[in-house]
């Protein structure tokens, strides 16, 4: 994935590296900058037994996008690690894709925090989350 990708109309990145949670969940990333990250994930394959999107899958999408943006903020010689994650699930999704946008709430020297929204194909809010990363 390339920092800044998506704003110029570039194609979305394929799911993450082999063997990662990104790959298993089918998360694709459209854009990553220090201030924002955008990505999508299929509902199919990421459901709980009742056929609805699993809350843990939504949380993983929130943390993935926030962490990617925090890594872009940290720069190439530093790492971002999640230290706090909170997700509120507002409604269910049972088909299609969910789309998430992480927006920076705080970009500091040692911490970066993001507000993340997860919406279905129709634009309905599915979940909202908050992620704080420590920059090492």
N, C-alpha and C. Protein backbone atom coordinates (compact mmCIF):
# COMPACT_ATOMS: atom_id res chain seq x y z
N UNK A 1 0.84 -1.17 0.00
CA UNK A 1 0.00 0.00 0.00
C UNK A 1 0.89 1.23 0.00
N UNK A 2 0.40 2.25 -0.63
CA UNK A 2 1.17 3.46 -0.79
C UNK A 2 0.52 4.60 -0.02
N UNK A 3 1.33 5.36 0.71
CA UNK A 3 0.80 6.51 1.42
C UNK A 3 0.25 7.50 0.41
N UNK A 4 -0.93 8.02 0.68
CA UNK A 4 -1.55 8.98 -0.21
C UNK A 4 -2.33 8.34 -1.34
N UNK A 5 -2.34 7.05 -1.43
CA UNK A 5 -3.03 6.35 -2.51
C UNK A 5 -4.52 6.61 -2.43
N UNK A 6 -5.15 6.66 -3.56
CA UNK A 6 -6.59 6.83 -3.62
C UNK A 6 -6.99 8.24 -4.01
N UNK A 7 -6.34 9.23 -3.46
CA UNK A 7 -6.68 10.61 -3.78
C UNK A 7 -6.41 10.91 -5.25
N UNK A 8 -5.46 10.21 -5.84
CA UNK A 8 -5.12 10.45 -7.24
C UNK A 8 -5.87 9.51 -8.17
N UNK A 9 -6.81 8.71 -7.64
CA UNK A 9 -7.57 7.80 -8.46
C UNK A 9 -6.91 6.45 -8.64
N UNK A 10 -5.88 6.17 -7.88
CA UNK A 10 -5.20 4.87 -7.98
C UNK A 10 -6.14 3.76 -7.55
N UNK A 11 -5.90 2.57 -8.05
CA UNK A 11 -6.70 1.41 -7.68
C UNK A 11 -6.48 1.05 -6.22
N UNK A 12 -7.51 0.50 -5.57
CA UNK A 12 -7.34 0.06 -4.18
C UNK A 12 -6.28 -1.02 -4.07
N UNK A 13 -5.63 -1.05 -2.94
CA UNK A 13 -4.65 -2.11 -2.68
C UNK A 13 -5.39 -3.42 -2.45
N UNK A 14 -4.79 -4.53 -2.85
CA UNK A 14 -5.41 -5.83 -2.54
C UNK A 14 -5.36 -6.08 -1.04
N UNK A 15 -6.07 -7.12 -0.57
CA UNK A 15 -5.99 -7.43 0.86
C UNK A 15 -4.54 -7.57 1.31
N UNK A 16 -4.33 -7.36 2.60
CA UNK A 16 -3.00 -7.33 3.18
C UNK A 16 -2.12 -8.52 2.88
N UNK A 17 -0.89 -8.45 3.34
CA UNK A 17 0.09 -9.51 3.09
C UNK A 17 -0.42 -10.88 3.52
N UNK A 18 0.05 -11.91 2.83
CA UNK A 18 -0.38 -13.28 3.10
C UNK A 18 -0.22 -13.62 4.58
N UNK A 19 -1.25 -14.27 5.10
CA UNK A 19 -1.21 -14.73 6.48
C UNK A 19 -1.60 -13.68 7.51
N UNK A 20 -1.92 -12.46 7.07
CA UNK A 20 -2.30 -11.41 8.02
C UNK A 20 -3.81 -11.38 8.23
N UNK A 21 -4.24 -10.72 9.28
CA UNK A 21 -5.66 -10.56 9.53
C UNK A 21 -6.33 -9.77 8.40
N UNK A 22 -5.61 -8.79 7.86
CA UNK A 22 -6.16 -8.04 6.73
C UNK A 22 -6.52 -8.97 5.58
N UNK A 23 -5.66 -9.92 5.29
CA UNK A 23 -5.93 -10.87 4.20
C UNK A 23 -7.12 -11.75 4.56
N UNK A 24 -7.14 -12.28 5.77
CA UNK A 24 -8.22 -13.18 6.18
C UNK A 24 -9.59 -12.50 6.15
N UNK A 25 -9.64 -11.22 6.51
CA UNK A 25 -10.90 -10.48 6.53
C UNK A 25 -11.23 -9.86 5.17
N UNK A 26 -10.28 -9.86 4.25
CA UNK A 26 -10.51 -9.27 2.93
C UNK A 26 -10.50 -7.76 2.92
N UNK A 27 -9.78 -7.15 3.86
CA UNK A 27 -9.72 -5.69 3.94
C UNK A 27 -8.88 -5.15 2.79
N UNK A 28 -9.46 -4.20 2.05
CA UNK A 28 -8.71 -3.48 1.02
C UNK A 28 -8.59 -2.03 1.44
N UNK A 29 -7.50 -1.41 1.06
CA UNK A 29 -7.21 -0.04 1.47
C UNK A 29 -7.19 0.85 0.23
N UNK A 30 -7.97 1.92 0.27
CA UNK A 30 -8.02 2.86 -0.85
C UNK A 30 -7.11 4.07 -0.67
N UNK A 31 -6.87 4.47 0.59
CA UNK A 31 -6.09 5.69 0.83
C UNK A 31 -5.48 5.64 2.21
N UNK A 32 -4.24 6.09 2.32
CA UNK A 32 -3.60 6.24 3.62
C UNK A 32 -2.77 7.52 3.60
N UNK A 33 -3.05 8.41 4.53
CA UNK A 33 -2.23 9.60 4.79
C UNK A 33 -2.13 9.71 6.31
N UNK A 34 -1.29 10.59 6.84
CA UNK A 34 -1.27 10.76 8.30
C UNK A 34 -2.61 11.22 8.87
N UNK A 35 -3.40 11.92 8.07
CA UNK A 35 -4.66 12.48 8.56
C UNK A 35 -5.86 11.58 8.33
N UNK A 36 -5.78 10.65 7.39
CA UNK A 36 -6.95 9.83 7.07
C UNK A 36 -6.55 8.51 6.44
N UNK A 37 -7.44 7.54 6.56
CA UNK A 37 -7.29 6.26 5.86
C UNK A 37 -8.69 5.80 5.48
N UNK A 38 -8.80 5.19 4.30
CA UNK A 38 -10.08 4.68 3.80
C UNK A 38 -9.89 3.25 3.34
N UNK A 39 -10.86 2.40 3.69
CA UNK A 39 -10.80 1.02 3.27
C UNK A 39 -12.16 0.36 3.30
N UNK A 40 -12.20 -0.87 2.78
CA UNK A 40 -13.45 -1.63 2.71
C UNK A 40 -13.20 -3.07 3.12
N UNK A 41 -14.30 -3.75 3.45
CA UNK A 41 -14.23 -5.15 3.85
C UNK A 41 -15.56 -5.81 3.46
N UNK A 42 -15.51 -7.04 2.91
CA UNK A 42 -16.77 -7.72 2.60
C UNK A 42 -17.45 -8.21 3.87
N UNK A 43 -18.78 -8.20 3.85
CA UNK A 43 -19.53 -8.78 4.95
C UNK A 43 -19.43 -10.31 4.87
N UNK A 44 -19.57 -10.86 3.66
CA UNK A 44 -19.49 -12.31 3.46
C UNK A 44 -18.15 -12.83 3.97
N UNK A 45 -18.21 -13.89 4.76
CA UNK A 45 -17.00 -14.47 5.34
C UNK A 45 -16.60 -13.85 6.66
N UNK A 46 -17.27 -12.75 7.04
CA UNK A 46 -16.95 -12.05 8.28
C UNK A 46 -18.18 -11.90 9.16
N UNK A 47 -19.04 -12.92 9.14
CA UNK A 47 -20.28 -12.86 9.88
C UNK A 47 -20.25 -13.73 11.13
N UNK A 48 -21.15 -13.42 12.05
CA UNK A 48 -21.37 -14.26 13.21
C UNK A 48 -22.43 -15.31 12.83
N UNK A 49 -22.73 -16.26 13.67
CA UNK A 49 -23.64 -17.35 13.29
C UNK A 49 -25.02 -16.92 12.78
N UNK A 50 -25.47 -15.72 13.10
CA UNK A 50 -26.78 -15.26 12.66
C UNK A 50 -26.75 -14.58 11.30
N UNK A 51 -25.58 -14.59 10.64
CA UNK A 51 -25.47 -14.02 9.30
C UNK A 51 -25.21 -12.53 9.25
N UNK A 52 -24.99 -11.91 10.40
CA UNK A 52 -24.70 -10.48 10.44
C UNK A 52 -23.20 -10.26 10.61
N UNK A 53 -22.73 -9.10 10.16
CA UNK A 53 -21.31 -8.76 10.30
C UNK A 53 -20.89 -8.91 11.76
N UNK A 54 -19.81 -9.62 11.98
CA UNK A 54 -19.30 -9.85 13.33
C UNK A 54 -18.71 -8.54 13.87
N UNK A 55 -19.02 -8.23 15.11
CA UNK A 55 -18.49 -7.02 15.74
C UNK A 55 -16.98 -7.00 15.80
N UNK A 56 -16.37 -8.17 15.97
CA UNK A 56 -14.92 -8.24 16.00
C UNK A 56 -14.30 -7.90 14.65
N UNK A 57 -15.01 -8.23 13.57
CA UNK A 57 -14.52 -7.87 12.23
C UNK A 57 -14.57 -6.36 12.05
N UNK A 58 -15.66 -5.73 12.51
CA UNK A 58 -15.75 -4.26 12.45
C UNK A 58 -14.63 -3.62 13.26
N UNK A 59 -14.38 -4.16 14.45
CA UNK A 59 -13.31 -3.62 15.31
C UNK A 59 -11.95 -3.78 14.63
N UNK A 60 -11.73 -4.91 13.98
CA UNK A 60 -10.46 -5.12 13.28
C UNK A 60 -10.29 -4.12 12.13
N UNK A 61 -11.38 -3.82 11.43
CA UNK A 61 -11.33 -2.82 10.35
C UNK A 61 -10.99 -1.45 10.92
N UNK A 62 -11.63 -1.09 12.02
CA UNK A 62 -11.35 0.20 12.68
C UNK A 62 -9.88 0.29 13.08
N UNK A 63 -9.37 -0.75 13.75
CA UNK A 63 -7.98 -0.71 14.20
C UNK A 63 -7.00 -0.73 13.04
N UNK A 64 -7.30 -1.49 12.00
CA UNK A 64 -6.41 -1.55 10.84
C UNK A 64 -6.25 -0.19 10.20
N UNK A 65 -7.35 0.48 9.91
CA UNK A 65 -7.25 1.76 9.22
C UNK A 65 -6.63 2.84 10.10
N UNK A 66 -7.01 2.89 11.37
CA UNK A 66 -6.39 3.86 12.28
C UNK A 66 -4.90 3.62 12.42
N UNK A 67 -4.51 2.35 12.51
CA UNK A 67 -3.08 2.02 12.67
C UNK A 67 -2.28 2.38 11.42
N UNK A 68 -2.87 2.17 10.25
CA UNK A 68 -2.16 2.52 9.01
C UNK A 68 -1.94 4.03 8.92
N UNK A 69 -2.97 4.80 9.26
CA UNK A 69 -2.82 6.26 9.26
C UNK A 69 -1.79 6.69 10.30
N UNK A 70 -1.85 6.10 11.49
CA UNK A 70 -0.88 6.44 12.54
C UNK A 70 0.54 6.09 12.10
N UNK A 71 0.71 4.99 11.40
CA UNK A 71 2.03 4.62 10.89
C UNK A 71 2.53 5.64 9.88
N UNK A 72 1.63 6.13 9.04
CA UNK A 72 2.01 7.18 8.08
C UNK A 72 2.42 8.44 8.82
N UNK A 73 1.72 8.77 9.90
CA UNK A 73 2.08 9.93 10.72
C UNK A 73 3.43 9.73 11.41
N UNK A 74 3.68 8.52 11.90
CA UNK A 74 4.91 8.24 12.63
C UNK A 74 6.14 8.37 11.74
N UNK A 75 6.00 8.00 10.47
CA UNK A 75 7.12 8.08 9.54
C UNK A 75 7.83 6.74 9.42
N UNK A 76 8.76 6.66 8.46
CA UNK A 76 9.38 5.37 8.12
C UNK A 76 10.28 4.77 9.19
N UNK A 77 10.80 5.57 10.10
CA UNK A 77 11.72 5.05 11.11
C UNK A 77 11.05 4.74 12.44
N UNK A 78 9.72 4.89 12.49
CA UNK A 78 8.99 4.64 13.74
C UNK A 78 7.83 3.70 13.46
N UNK A 79 7.26 3.16 14.54
CA UNK A 79 6.11 2.27 14.45
C UNK A 79 4.97 2.82 15.28
N UNK A 80 3.76 2.46 14.86
CA UNK A 80 2.56 2.82 15.61
C UNK A 80 1.95 1.53 16.15
N UNK A 81 1.64 1.52 17.43
CA UNK A 81 1.00 0.36 18.05
C UNK A 81 -0.25 0.82 18.78
N UNK A 82 -1.34 0.09 18.58
CA UNK A 82 -2.60 0.43 19.22
C UNK A 82 -2.52 0.23 20.73
N UNK A 83 -2.99 1.23 21.48
CA UNK A 83 -3.01 1.10 22.94
C UNK A 83 -4.42 1.21 23.50
N UNK A 84 -5.36 1.72 22.70
CA UNK A 84 -6.75 1.78 23.16
C UNK A 84 -7.67 1.72 21.95
N UNK A 85 -8.69 0.87 22.03
CA UNK A 85 -9.66 0.71 20.96
C UNK A 85 -11.05 0.64 21.58
N UNK A 86 -11.97 1.43 21.06
CA UNK A 86 -13.37 1.37 21.48
C UNK A 86 -14.25 1.42 20.25
N UNK A 87 -15.23 0.52 20.20
CA UNK A 87 -16.12 0.47 19.03
C UNK A 87 -17.57 0.37 19.52
N UNK A 88 -18.43 1.19 18.94
CA UNK A 88 -19.86 1.12 19.19
C UNK A 88 -20.53 0.60 17.92
N UNK A 89 -21.36 -0.43 18.08
CA UNK A 89 -22.06 -1.03 16.93
C UNK A 89 -23.47 -0.46 16.90
N UNK A 90 -23.81 0.23 15.80
CA UNK A 90 -25.08 0.93 15.70
C UNK A 90 -26.18 0.13 15.01
N UNK A 91 -25.80 -0.65 14.00
CA UNK A 91 -26.78 -1.46 13.27
C UNK A 91 -26.05 -2.60 12.59
N UNK A 92 -26.80 -3.57 12.10
CA UNK A 92 -26.18 -4.74 11.48
C UNK A 92 -26.04 -4.56 9.97
N UNK A 93 -25.17 -5.36 9.40
CA UNK A 93 -25.02 -5.47 7.95
C UNK A 93 -24.99 -6.96 7.65
N UNK A 94 -25.66 -7.36 6.57
CA UNK A 94 -25.71 -8.79 6.26
C UNK A 94 -25.27 -9.11 4.83
N UNK A 95 -24.92 -8.09 4.06
CA UNK A 95 -24.46 -8.33 2.70
C UNK A 95 -23.63 -7.15 2.20
N UNK A 96 -22.98 -7.36 1.08
CA UNK A 96 -22.21 -6.29 0.45
C UNK A 96 -20.90 -6.02 1.15
N UNK A 97 -20.48 -4.77 1.06
CA UNK A 97 -19.24 -4.32 1.69
C UNK A 97 -19.56 -3.33 2.79
N UNK A 98 -18.63 -3.20 3.73
CA UNK A 98 -18.65 -2.07 4.65
C UNK A 98 -17.44 -1.22 4.34
N UNK A 99 -17.60 0.08 4.47
CA UNK A 99 -16.58 1.05 4.09
C UNK A 99 -16.23 1.89 5.32
N UNK A 100 -14.96 2.04 5.58
CA UNK A 100 -14.53 2.77 6.78
C UNK A 100 -13.64 3.94 6.42
N UNK A 101 -13.75 4.98 7.22
CA UNK A 101 -12.90 6.16 7.10
C UNK A 101 -12.36 6.50 8.48
N UNK A 102 -11.04 6.55 8.58
CA UNK A 102 -10.38 6.97 9.82
C UNK A 102 -9.94 8.42 9.64
N UNK A 103 -10.31 9.27 10.59
CA UNK A 103 -9.95 10.68 10.54
C UNK A 103 -9.18 11.03 11.81
N UNK A 104 -8.06 11.71 11.64
CA UNK A 104 -7.23 12.06 12.79
C UNK A 104 -7.97 12.97 13.75
N UNK A 105 -7.90 12.64 15.03
CA UNK A 105 -8.43 13.49 16.10
C UNK A 105 -7.29 14.21 16.81
N UNK A 106 -6.12 13.55 16.86
CA UNK A 106 -4.93 14.12 17.50
C UNK A 106 -3.70 13.51 16.85
N UNK A 107 -2.78 14.35 16.41
CA UNK A 107 -1.52 13.89 15.83
C UNK A 107 -0.37 14.50 16.62
N UNK A 108 0.13 13.76 17.59
CA UNK A 108 1.21 14.25 18.43
C UNK A 108 2.53 13.56 18.14
N UNK A 109 3.53 13.85 18.99
CA UNK A 109 4.85 13.22 18.82
C UNK A 109 4.87 11.79 19.33
N UNK A 110 4.08 11.50 20.37
CA UNK A 110 4.12 10.14 20.94
C UNK A 110 2.78 9.40 20.84
N UNK A 111 1.70 10.12 20.54
CA UNK A 111 0.38 9.51 20.40
C UNK A 111 -0.33 10.05 19.16
N UNK A 112 -1.13 9.19 18.55
CA UNK A 112 -2.01 9.60 17.46
C UNK A 112 -3.36 8.93 17.71
N UNK A 113 -4.44 9.71 17.61
CA UNK A 113 -5.78 9.19 17.84
C UNK A 113 -6.65 9.43 16.61
N UNK A 114 -7.55 8.48 16.36
CA UNK A 114 -8.41 8.53 15.18
C UNK A 114 -9.85 8.21 15.53
N UNK A 115 -10.78 8.90 14.87
CA UNK A 115 -12.20 8.58 14.91
C UNK A 115 -12.48 7.83 13.60
N UNK A 116 -13.15 6.70 13.70
CA UNK A 116 -13.38 5.87 12.53
C UNK A 116 -14.87 5.57 12.40
N UNK A 117 -15.40 5.78 11.20
CA UNK A 117 -16.79 5.43 10.93
C UNK A 117 -16.81 4.25 9.95
N UNK A 118 -17.76 3.35 10.16
CA UNK A 118 -17.96 2.19 9.29
C UNK A 118 -19.39 2.28 8.77
N UNK A 119 -19.55 2.30 7.44
CA UNK A 119 -20.85 2.43 6.80
C UNK A 119 -21.09 1.30 5.81
N UNK A 120 -22.36 0.98 5.57
CA UNK A 120 -22.68 -0.05 4.58
C UNK A 120 -22.70 0.58 3.18
N UNK A 121 -23.02 -0.25 2.17
CA UNK A 121 -23.04 0.24 0.79
C UNK A 121 -24.04 1.37 0.59
N UNK A 122 -25.08 1.42 1.40
CA UNK A 122 -26.09 2.47 1.30
C UNK A 122 -25.76 3.72 2.10
N UNK A 123 -24.61 3.73 2.78
CA UNK A 123 -24.20 4.89 3.56
C UNK A 123 -24.70 4.90 4.99
N UNK A 124 -25.41 3.85 5.41
CA UNK A 124 -25.91 3.79 6.79
C UNK A 124 -24.75 3.51 7.75
N UNK A 125 -24.75 4.21 8.88
CA UNK A 125 -23.71 4.01 9.89
C UNK A 125 -23.87 2.65 10.55
N UNK A 126 -22.85 1.83 10.45
CA UNK A 126 -22.84 0.49 11.04
C UNK A 126 -22.14 0.50 12.39
N UNK A 127 -21.00 1.19 12.44
CA UNK A 127 -20.21 1.25 13.68
C UNK A 127 -19.37 2.52 13.68
N UNK A 128 -19.01 2.95 14.88
CA UNK A 128 -18.06 4.06 15.02
C UNK A 128 -17.04 3.63 16.06
N UNK A 129 -15.82 4.07 15.86
CA UNK A 129 -14.76 3.66 16.76
C UNK A 129 -13.75 4.75 17.02
N UNK A 130 -12.96 4.51 18.04
CA UNK A 130 -11.88 5.41 18.42
C UNK A 130 -10.63 4.56 18.65
N UNK A 131 -9.53 4.97 18.08
CA UNK A 131 -8.27 4.26 18.26
C UNK A 131 -7.19 5.25 18.64
N UNK A 132 -6.42 4.86 19.66
CA UNK A 132 -5.23 5.62 20.03
C UNK A 132 -4.03 4.73 19.84
N UNK A 133 -3.02 5.26 19.16
CA UNK A 133 -1.78 4.54 18.93
C UNK A 133 -0.62 5.26 19.59
N UNK A 134 0.29 4.48 20.16
CA UNK A 134 1.54 5.02 20.66
C UNK A 134 2.55 4.94 19.52
N UNK A 135 3.33 5.98 19.36
CA UNK A 135 4.33 6.04 18.30
C UNK A 135 5.68 5.71 18.90
N UNK A 136 6.27 4.63 18.45
CA UNK A 136 7.55 4.16 18.99
C UNK A 136 8.69 4.46 18.05
